[in-house]
Amino acid sequence: MSTQTSTEGSVPQRLAHTRELMRREGIHALLVPSADPHLSEYLPGYWQGRQWLSGFHGSVGTLIITADFAGVWADSRYWEKATKELKGSGI
């Protein structure tokens, strides 16, 4: 299985691939923030991992992935948006 990132595949497929990599590397939980190391307000595509992996397009939120759970934490501004965008994703 390749570890190259791809824009292809659905969110459930991306989660499954991520979980397989986590299992292989002995990682129990993965935290994916919506920030880069510089806490930039506007992120270049390279740092938009939470958005790519979860499908949630809110400007703020944190994704947590474990072997049997995935969830996005966002403030109340994004609850309706998150509910719509994450529906059927396994998150």
N, C-alpha and C. Protein backbone atom coordinates (compact mmCIF):
# COMPACT_ATOMS: atom_id res chain seq x y z
N MET A 1 0.85 -1.18 0.00
CA MET A 1 0.00 0.00 0.00
C MET A 1 0.89 1.23 0.00
N SER A 2 0.62 2.14 -0.90
CA SER A 2 1.41 3.36 -1.01
C SER A 2 1.06 4.35 0.10
N THR A 3 2.03 5.09 0.55
CA THR A 3 1.77 6.12 1.55
C THR A 3 1.64 7.49 0.91
N GLN A 4 1.70 7.55 -0.42
CA GLN A 4 1.55 8.83 -1.10
C GLN A 4 0.17 9.40 -0.85
N THR A 5 0.10 10.71 -0.66
CA THR A 5 -1.21 11.32 -0.50
C THR A 5 -1.86 11.45 -1.87
N SER A 6 -3.17 11.45 -1.86
CA SER A 6 -3.92 11.54 -3.09
C SER A 6 -5.18 12.34 -2.84
N THR A 7 -5.66 13.01 -3.85
CA THR A 7 -6.93 13.71 -3.72
C THR A 7 -8.08 12.80 -4.08
N GLU A 8 -7.78 11.59 -4.49
CA GLU A 8 -8.82 10.64 -4.89
C GLU A 8 -9.31 9.86 -3.69
N GLY A 9 -10.49 9.28 -3.86
CA GLY A 9 -11.05 8.44 -2.81
C GLY A 9 -12.01 9.22 -1.93
N SER A 10 -12.93 8.49 -1.37
CA SER A 10 -13.92 9.09 -0.48
C SER A 10 -13.33 9.25 0.92
N VAL A 11 -14.03 10.00 1.75
CA VAL A 11 -13.58 10.18 3.13
C VAL A 11 -13.49 8.82 3.84
N PRO A 12 -14.49 7.93 3.73
CA PRO A 12 -14.34 6.62 4.38
C PRO A 12 -13.11 5.84 3.89
N GLN A 13 -12.79 5.96 2.60
CA GLN A 13 -11.59 5.29 2.08
C GLN A 13 -10.32 5.92 2.65
N ARG A 14 -10.30 7.22 2.76
CA ARG A 14 -9.13 7.90 3.33
C ARG A 14 -8.95 7.53 4.80
N LEU A 15 -10.07 7.45 5.54
CA LEU A 15 -10.00 7.04 6.95
C LEU A 15 -9.47 5.61 7.06
N ALA A 16 -9.98 4.72 6.23
CA ALA A 16 -9.53 3.32 6.27
C ALA A 16 -8.03 3.23 5.97
N HIS A 17 -7.58 3.97 4.98
CA HIS A 17 -6.15 3.96 4.63
C HIS A 17 -5.32 4.53 5.79
N THR A 18 -5.78 5.62 6.38
CA THR A 18 -5.08 6.23 7.51
C THR A 18 -5.00 5.26 8.68
N ARG A 19 -6.11 4.59 8.97
CA ARG A 19 -6.13 3.62 10.07
C ARG A 19 -5.18 2.46 9.81
N GLU A 20 -5.10 2.02 8.57
CA GLU A 20 -4.16 0.94 8.23
C GLU A 20 -2.73 1.40 8.48
N LEU A 21 -2.40 2.60 8.07
CA LEU A 21 -1.05 3.13 8.32
C LEU A 21 -0.79 3.28 9.81
N MET A 22 -1.79 3.75 10.56
CA MET A 22 -1.65 3.89 12.01
C MET A 22 -1.40 2.53 12.66
N ARG A 23 -2.18 1.53 12.25
CA ARG A 23 -2.03 0.19 12.81
C ARG A 23 -0.62 -0.34 12.53
N ARG A 24 -0.18 -0.18 11.29
CA ARG A 24 1.13 -0.67 10.88
C ARG A 24 2.26 -0.01 11.67
N GLU A 25 2.10 1.26 11.99
CA GLU A 25 3.14 2.01 12.69
C GLU A 25 2.97 2.03 14.21
N GLY A 26 1.91 1.38 14.72
CA GLY A 26 1.69 1.33 16.16
C GLY A 26 1.18 2.64 16.74
N ILE A 27 0.49 3.42 15.92
CA ILE A 27 -0.07 4.70 16.38
C ILE A 27 -1.50 4.45 16.85
N HIS A 28 -1.81 4.85 18.08
CA HIS A 28 -3.13 4.59 18.66
C HIS A 28 -4.12 5.71 18.41
N ALA A 29 -3.66 6.92 18.27
CA ALA A 29 -4.55 8.05 18.03
C ALA A 29 -3.81 9.09 17.17
N LEU A 30 -4.57 9.72 16.30
CA LEU A 30 -4.02 10.76 15.44
C LEU A 30 -4.84 12.02 15.63
N LEU A 31 -4.18 13.12 15.94
CA LEU A 31 -4.83 14.42 16.08
C LEU A 31 -4.46 15.25 14.87
N VAL A 32 -5.47 15.72 14.14
CA VAL A 32 -5.25 16.52 12.94
C VAL A 32 -5.86 17.90 13.16
N PRO A 33 -5.04 18.90 13.47
CA PRO A 33 -5.57 20.24 13.73
C PRO A 33 -5.88 20.98 12.43
N SER A 34 -6.48 22.13 12.56
CA SER A 34 -6.74 22.97 11.38
C SER A 34 -5.76 24.13 11.35
N ALA A 35 -4.56 23.90 11.81
CA ALA A 35 -3.54 24.95 11.84
C ALA A 35 -2.21 24.40 11.32
N ASP A 36 -1.37 25.31 10.88
CA ASP A 36 -0.01 24.93 10.51
C ASP A 36 0.91 25.29 11.69
N PRO A 37 2.19 24.96 11.61
CA PRO A 37 3.09 25.25 12.74
C PRO A 37 3.22 26.73 13.08
N HIS A 38 2.81 27.61 12.15
CA HIS A 38 2.93 29.05 12.38
C HIS A 38 1.60 29.67 12.81
N LEU A 39 0.56 28.85 12.97
CA LEU A 39 -0.78 29.31 13.33
C LEU A 39 -1.30 30.36 12.36
N SER A 40 -1.02 30.13 11.07
CA SER A 40 -1.47 31.05 10.03
C SER A 40 -2.99 31.08 9.95
N GLU A 41 -3.53 32.23 9.62
CA GLU A 41 -4.98 32.36 9.49
C GLU A 41 -5.48 31.66 8.24
N TYR A 42 -4.76 31.81 7.14
CA TYR A 42 -5.14 31.17 5.88
C TYR A 42 -4.08 30.14 5.51
N LEU A 43 -4.52 28.91 5.37
CA LEU A 43 -3.58 27.82 5.15
C LEU A 43 -3.40 27.49 3.67
N PRO A 44 -2.17 27.24 3.25
CA PRO A 44 -1.98 26.70 1.91
C PRO A 44 -2.52 25.27 1.87
N GLY A 45 -2.83 24.79 0.70
CA GLY A 45 -3.41 23.46 0.55
C GLY A 45 -2.63 22.37 1.26
N TYR A 46 -1.31 22.48 1.30
CA TYR A 46 -0.47 21.47 1.92
C TYR A 46 -0.83 21.24 3.38
N TRP A 47 -1.28 22.27 4.08
CA TRP A 47 -1.57 22.15 5.52
C TRP A 47 -3.05 21.91 5.82
N GLN A 48 -3.87 21.67 4.82
CA GLN A 48 -5.30 21.49 5.03
C GLN A 48 -5.65 20.01 5.20
N GLY A 49 -4.88 19.31 5.99
CA GLY A 49 -5.07 17.87 6.19
C GLY A 49 -6.38 17.51 6.85
N ARG A 50 -6.82 18.29 7.82
CA ARG A 50 -8.10 17.99 8.49
C ARG A 50 -9.24 18.08 7.49
N GLN A 51 -9.21 19.11 6.67
CA GLN A 51 -10.25 19.27 5.65
C GLN A 51 -10.22 18.12 4.65
N TRP A 52 -9.04 17.77 4.16
CA TRP A 52 -8.91 16.70 3.17
C TRP A 52 -9.33 15.36 3.74
N LEU A 53 -8.91 15.07 4.94
CA LEU A 53 -9.16 13.75 5.52
C LEU A 53 -10.59 13.58 6.00
N SER A 54 -11.21 14.65 6.49
CA SER A 54 -12.56 14.53 7.05
C SER A 54 -13.67 14.98 6.11
N GLY A 55 -13.36 15.89 5.20
CA GLY A 55 -14.40 16.47 4.36
C GLY A 55 -15.08 17.67 5.00
N PHE A 56 -14.65 18.04 6.21
CA PHE A 56 -15.22 19.20 6.91
C PHE A 56 -14.47 20.45 6.49
N HIS A 57 -15.19 21.44 5.94
CA HIS A 57 -14.58 22.63 5.37
C HIS A 57 -14.65 23.87 6.26
N GLY A 58 -15.05 23.73 7.50
CA GLY A 58 -15.04 24.87 8.42
C GLY A 58 -13.61 25.34 8.63
N SER A 59 -13.46 26.62 8.93
CA SER A 59 -12.10 27.17 9.08
C SER A 59 -11.42 26.74 10.36
N VAL A 60 -12.18 26.27 11.34
CA VAL A 60 -11.61 25.84 12.61
C VAL A 60 -12.22 24.50 13.01
N GLY A 61 -11.38 23.60 13.47
CA GLY A 61 -11.85 22.30 13.94
C GLY A 61 -10.67 21.37 14.11
N THR A 62 -10.86 20.33 14.88
CA THR A 62 -9.81 19.35 15.12
C THR A 62 -10.39 17.97 14.87
N LEU A 63 -9.65 17.16 14.14
CA LEU A 63 -10.05 15.78 13.83
C LEU A 63 -9.24 14.84 14.70
N ILE A 64 -9.91 13.87 15.32
CA ILE A 64 -9.24 12.81 16.08
C ILE A 64 -9.62 11.49 15.43
N ILE A 65 -8.62 10.65 15.18
CA ILE A 65 -8.85 9.32 14.59
C ILE A 65 -8.21 8.28 15.49
N THR A 66 -8.97 7.24 15.82
CA THR A 66 -8.43 6.06 16.50
C THR A 66 -8.83 4.85 15.66
N ALA A 67 -8.49 3.67 16.14
CA ALA A 67 -8.82 2.45 15.39
C ALA A 67 -10.32 2.27 15.20
N ASP A 68 -11.12 2.73 16.15
CA ASP A 68 -12.56 2.49 16.06
C ASP A 68 -13.40 3.75 16.25
N PHE A 69 -12.79 4.92 16.13
CA PHE A 69 -13.53 6.17 16.32
C PHE A 69 -12.88 7.27 15.49
N ALA A 70 -13.71 8.16 14.97
CA ALA A 70 -13.22 9.38 14.35
C ALA A 70 -14.23 10.48 14.67
N GLY A 71 -13.74 11.63 15.07
CA GLY A 71 -14.63 12.73 15.40
C GLY A 71 -13.98 14.06 15.10
N VAL A 72 -14.83 15.04 14.80
CA VAL A 72 -14.38 16.41 14.59
C VAL A 72 -14.93 17.26 15.71
N TRP A 73 -14.05 18.03 16.33
CA TRP A 73 -14.43 18.99 17.35
C TRP A 73 -14.40 20.37 16.70
N ALA A 74 -15.52 21.07 16.78
CA ALA A 74 -15.62 22.41 16.22
C ALA A 74 -16.50 23.25 17.13
N ASP A 75 -16.35 24.56 17.06
CA ASP A 75 -17.20 25.39 17.91
C ASP A 75 -18.61 25.48 17.32
N SER A 76 -19.50 26.09 18.07
CA SER A 76 -20.92 26.07 17.73
C SER A 76 -21.25 26.74 16.40
N ARG A 77 -20.36 27.57 15.89
CA ARG A 77 -20.61 28.19 14.57
C ARG A 77 -20.71 27.14 13.47
N TYR A 78 -20.09 26.00 13.68
CA TYR A 78 -19.96 25.00 12.62
C TYR A 78 -20.78 23.74 12.84
N TRP A 79 -21.60 23.67 13.86
CA TRP A 79 -22.32 22.43 14.15
C TRP A 79 -23.21 21.99 12.99
N GLU A 80 -23.99 22.91 12.44
CA GLU A 80 -24.87 22.53 11.32
C GLU A 80 -24.05 22.16 10.10
N LYS A 81 -23.04 22.95 9.80
CA LYS A 81 -22.17 22.68 8.66
C LYS A 81 -21.49 21.32 8.81
N ALA A 82 -20.98 21.04 10.00
CA ALA A 82 -20.30 19.76 10.24
C ALA A 82 -21.27 18.60 10.09
N THR A 83 -22.47 18.75 10.62
CA THR A 83 -23.47 17.68 10.51
C THR A 83 -23.73 17.34 9.04
N LYS A 84 -23.87 18.36 8.20
CA LYS A 84 -24.13 18.15 6.77
C LYS A 84 -22.91 17.54 6.08
N GLU A 85 -21.74 18.13 6.30
CA GLU A 85 -20.56 17.70 5.56
C GLU A 85 -20.02 16.35 6.00
N LEU A 86 -20.26 15.96 7.24
CA LEU A 86 -19.72 14.70 7.74
C LEU A 86 -20.69 13.53 7.61
N LYS A 87 -21.92 13.80 7.20
CA LYS A 87 -22.94 12.76 7.09
C LYS A 87 -22.45 11.63 6.17
N GLY A 88 -22.52 10.40 6.67
CA GLY A 88 -22.13 9.23 5.89
C GLY A 88 -20.64 9.01 5.77
N SER A 89 -19.85 9.81 6.45
CA SER A 89 -18.39 9.72 6.31
C SER A 89 -17.75 8.74 7.30
N GLY A 90 -18.51 8.36 8.34
CA GLY A 90 -17.92 7.54 9.39
C GLY A 90 -17.33 8.39 10.50
N ILE A 91 -17.52 9.69 10.40
CA ILE A 91 -17.03 10.61 11.44
C ILE A 91 -18.23 11.14 12.19
